[in-house]
Amino acid sequence: MRRDQFSRDSSFATHLLLATLSMSAAFMIVAGAITFAPAVVRLEFGSDSLDDIALLTQEILQIHAVVWPVVVACLIAVTITSLFLFNRMTEPLFRFTRIFERIRRGEFPDPIELRGRDYLKREARALNEMVTELRSLIGDIKQSQLDLSSTIEEAEEIFSQDDPKRIAELVVVLREQDKALRESVSRFTNPV
């Protein structure tokens, strides 16, 4: 997966943006209601004098002149912040995905390094520990396999000589190597 494809994951970006904008809109509706409520209540239930109505109307218009630019500025700030946060979350996820793909291909990548401003640092540490442990486990399995191959070659040689004592010793060695290999593989909880 290429970085530009990952960073353009529209479902995640859209969800993040809609979530932050809807929360901000809800907050602004409540704040707007609290701001406009006193003037509207006085207009609705206040005196019927035209001078009072004109003053209240002027007050509501002044509130409108102040509130709507602030609302628009807040929505722009929330949008920019959402995009910034989206980038700080997706860059580590992109790096995680690259590591998963390399492991799937049988490669063991170098430890992941995040930028200082990125999120998911704890997850990156856990991923690095997992890769290190897998590398160690695969190393143990490869060594066990090499030992087993060497012992099998030795067994073929001994069998050709037909020496029962050496064959019995070799069977003991094979069982130990089999046990070591089983222990390495048993570290996986769901072996195939």
Protein backbone atom coordinates (compact mmCIF):
# COMPACT_ATOMS: atom_id res chain seq x y z
CA MET A 1 0.00 0.00 0.00
CA ARG A 2 1.45 3.31 -1.03
CA ARG A 3 1.54 6.25 1.39
CA ASP A 4 -0.72 8.45 -0.73
CA GLN A 5 -3.31 5.67 -0.97
CA PHE A 6 -3.23 5.17 2.79
CA SER A 7 -3.34 8.86 3.65
CA ARG A 8 -6.30 9.26 1.34
CA ASP A 9 -8.34 6.70 3.22
CA SER A 10 -11.47 8.72 2.80
CA SER A 11 -13.60 6.67 5.19
CA PHE A 12 -11.31 7.37 8.15
CA ALA A 13 -10.66 10.98 7.19
CA THR A 14 -14.35 11.60 6.59
CA HIS A 15 -15.32 9.95 9.86
CA LEU A 16 -12.78 11.96 11.83
CA LEU A 17 -13.80 15.20 10.16
CA LEU A 18 -17.54 14.57 10.55
CA ALA A 19 -17.13 13.52 14.18
CA THR A 20 -15.19 16.62 15.12
CA LEU A 21 -17.41 18.94 13.10
CA SER A 22 -20.61 17.47 14.53
CA MET A 23 -19.30 17.75 18.09
CA SER A 24 -18.24 21.32 17.41
CA ALA A 25 -21.59 22.14 15.79
CA ALA A 26 -23.46 20.70 18.77
CA PHE A 27 -21.34 22.77 21.14
CA MET A 28 -21.88 25.89 19.03
CA ILE A 29 -25.64 25.35 18.88
CA VAL A 30 -25.77 25.12 22.66
CA ALA A 31 -23.49 28.15 23.02
CA GLY A 32 -25.58 30.06 20.46
CA ALA A 33 -28.80 29.20 22.22
CA ILE A 34 -27.36 30.41 25.51
CA THR A 35 -26.08 33.59 23.84
CA PHE A 36 -29.31 34.45 22.01
CA ALA A 37 -31.80 33.18 24.58
CA PRO A 38 -31.87 36.19 26.92
CA ALA A 39 -32.45 38.68 24.09
CA VAL A 40 -35.08 36.50 22.41
CA VAL A 41 -36.92 35.92 25.69
CA ARG A 42 -36.95 39.67 26.41
CA LEU A 43 -38.15 40.32 22.86
CA GLU A 44 -40.89 37.72 23.15
CA PHE A 45 -42.07 38.48 26.67
CA GLY A 46 -40.80 42.03 27.19
CA SER A 47 -42.62 45.29 26.68
CA ASP A 48 -44.54 46.08 23.55
CA SER A 49 -42.97 49.47 23.12
CA LEU A 50 -41.38 50.03 19.74
CA ASP A 51 -38.29 51.59 21.31
CA ASP A 52 -37.69 48.46 23.46
CA ILE A 53 -38.28 46.20 20.48
CA ALA A 54 -35.86 48.26 18.37
CA LEU A 55 -33.19 48.07 21.09
CA LEU A 56 -33.62 44.31 21.48
CA THR A 57 -33.57 43.84 17.72
CA GLN A 58 -30.37 45.89 17.52
CA GLU A 59 -28.88 43.76 20.32
CA ILE A 60 -29.76 40.53 18.47
CA LEU A 61 -28.22 41.88 15.27
CA GLN A 62 -25.03 42.80 17.14
CA ILE A 63 -24.88 39.31 18.61
CA HIS A 64 -25.31 37.88 15.09
CA ALA A 65 -22.50 40.08 13.81
CA VAL A 66 -20.17 38.73 16.49
CA VAL A 67 -21.30 35.10 16.77
CA TRP A 68 -21.32 33.94 13.12
CA PRO A 69 -17.74 34.95 12.29
CA VAL A 70 -16.63 33.18 15.48
CA VAL A 71 -18.63 30.07 14.49
CA VAL A 72 -17.09 30.03 11.00
CA ALA A 73 -13.60 30.58 12.44
CA CYS A 74 -14.14 27.74 14.91
CA LEU A 75 -15.34 25.38 12.17
CA ILE A 76 -12.30 26.23 10.05
CA ALA A 77 -10.02 25.67 13.06
CA VAL A 78 -11.70 22.34 13.81
CA THR A 79 -11.33 21.24 10.18
CA ILE A 80 -7.63 22.14 10.10
CA THR A 81 -7.07 20.45 13.47
CA SER A 82 -8.87 17.31 12.28
CA LEU A 83 -6.69 17.13 9.18
CA PHE A 84 -3.57 17.66 11.32
CA LEU A 85 -4.63 14.91 13.74
CA PHE A 86 -5.52 12.64 10.81
CA ASN A 87 -1.96 12.97 9.52
CA ARG A 88 -0.44 12.33 12.96
CA MET A 89 -2.48 9.11 13.23
CA THR A 90 -2.21 7.82 9.67
CA GLU A 91 1.55 8.17 9.25
CA PRO A 92 2.24 5.60 12.01
CA LEU A 93 -0.52 3.37 10.63
CA PHE A 94 1.08 3.56 7.19
CA ARG A 95 4.40 2.47 8.70
CA PHE A 96 2.67 -0.36 10.59
CA THR A 97 1.06 -1.54 7.35
CA ARG A 98 4.44 -1.60 5.58
CA ILE A 99 5.86 -3.75 8.40
CA PHE A 100 2.87 -6.13 8.27
CA GLU A 101 3.34 -6.52 4.50
CA ARG A 102 7.06 -7.24 4.90
CA ILE A 103 6.40 -9.84 7.61
CA ARG A 104 3.76 -11.41 5.35
CA ARG A 105 6.45 -11.72 2.65
CA GLY A 106 8.77 -13.42 5.18
CA GLU A 107 11.03 -10.43 5.80
CA PHE A 108 11.88 -8.99 9.18
CA PRO A 109 12.07 -5.21 8.96
CA ASP A 110 14.12 -2.89 11.08
CA PRO A 111 12.36 -1.40 14.10
CA ILE A 112 9.76 1.22 13.28
CA GLU A 113 10.69 4.77 14.17
CA LEU A 114 8.01 7.41 14.54
CA ARG A 115 8.39 11.13 14.31
CA GLY A 116 8.30 13.00 17.60
CA ARG A 117 4.87 14.46 16.86
CA ASP A 118 3.24 11.18 15.75
CA TYR A 119 0.69 9.31 17.80
CA LEU A 120 0.64 5.55 18.49
CA LYS A 121 4.08 5.41 20.10
CA ARG A 122 3.04 2.68 22.56
CA GLU A 123 1.69 0.60 19.69
CA ALA A 124 4.94 1.13 17.76
CA ARG A 125 6.94 -0.15 20.75
CA ALA A 126 4.70 -3.22 20.97
CA LEU A 127 5.09 -3.84 17.23
CA ASN A 128 8.88 -3.52 17.50
CA GLU A 129 8.91 -5.98 20.40
CA MET A 130 6.77 -8.40 18.42
CA VAL A 131 9.10 -8.22 15.40
CA THR A 132 12.15 -8.74 17.64
CA GLU A 133 10.51 -11.75 19.29
CA LEU A 134 9.49 -13.20 15.92
CA ARG A 135 13.02 -12.71 14.59
CA SER A 136 14.41 -14.56 17.64
CA LEU A 137 11.84 -17.34 17.35
CA ILE A 138 12.50 -17.84 13.63
CA GLY A 139 16.23 -17.89 14.39
CA ASP A 140 15.67 -20.61 16.99
CA ILE A 141 13.55 -22.63 14.57
CA LYS A 142 16.12 -22.27 11.78
CA GLN A 143 18.91 -23.40 14.10
CA SER A 144 16.82 -26.38 15.24
CA GLN A 145 16.15 -27.24 11.60
CA LEU A 146 19.88 -27.03 10.77
CA ASP A 147 20.72 -29.25 13.76
CA LEU A 148 18.06 -31.74 12.68
CA SER A 149 19.32 -31.78 9.07
CA SER A 150 22.88 -32.38 10.30
CA THR A 151 21.72 -35.21 12.54
CA ILE A 152 19.74 -36.79 9.71
CA GLU A 153 22.86 -36.75 7.53
CA GLU A 154 24.78 -38.36 10.38
CA ALA A 155 21.99 -40.94 10.76
CA GLU A 156 22.20 -41.86 7.10
CA GLU A 157 25.91 -42.46 7.51
CA ILE A 158 25.44 -44.55 10.67
CA PHE A 159 22.61 -46.58 9.14
CA SER A 160 24.85 -47.45 6.24
CA GLN A 161 27.42 -48.81 8.75
CA ASP A 162 24.72 -50.79 10.60
CA ASP A 163 26.04 -49.94 14.13
CA PRO A 164 23.17 -50.55 16.64
CA LYS A 165 24.82 -48.69 19.54
CA ARG A 166 25.43 -45.54 17.49
CA ILE A 167 21.92 -45.79 16.02
CA ALA A 168 20.45 -45.83 19.56
CA GLU A 169 22.56 -42.79 20.51
CA LEU A 170 21.45 -41.05 17.37
CA VAL A 171 17.80 -41.69 18.14
CA VAL A 172 18.31 -39.97 21.52
CA VAL A 173 19.87 -36.96 19.78
CA LEU A 174 17.03 -36.86 17.24
CA ARG A 175 14.45 -36.92 20.05
CA GLU A 176 16.22 -34.01 21.82
CA GLN A 177 16.30 -32.00 18.62
CA ASP A 178 12.66 -32.83 17.97
CA LYS A 179 11.83 -31.63 21.49
CA ALA A 180 13.74 -28.35 20.92
CA LEU A 181 11.94 -27.79 17.63
CA ARG A 182 8.55 -28.54 19.22
CA GLU A 183 9.28 -26.08 22.04
CA SER A 184 10.14 -23.36 19.52
CA VAL A 185 6.97 -23.99 17.54
CA SER A 186 4.82 -24.28 20.69
CA ARG A 187 5.45 -20.61 21.42
CA PHE A 188 2.76 -19.99 18.83
CA THR A 189 -0.60 -20.48 20.52
CA ASN A 190 -2.43 -21.44 17.34
CA PRO A 191 0.02 -23.39 15.17
CA VAL A 192 -1.16 -24.41 11.76
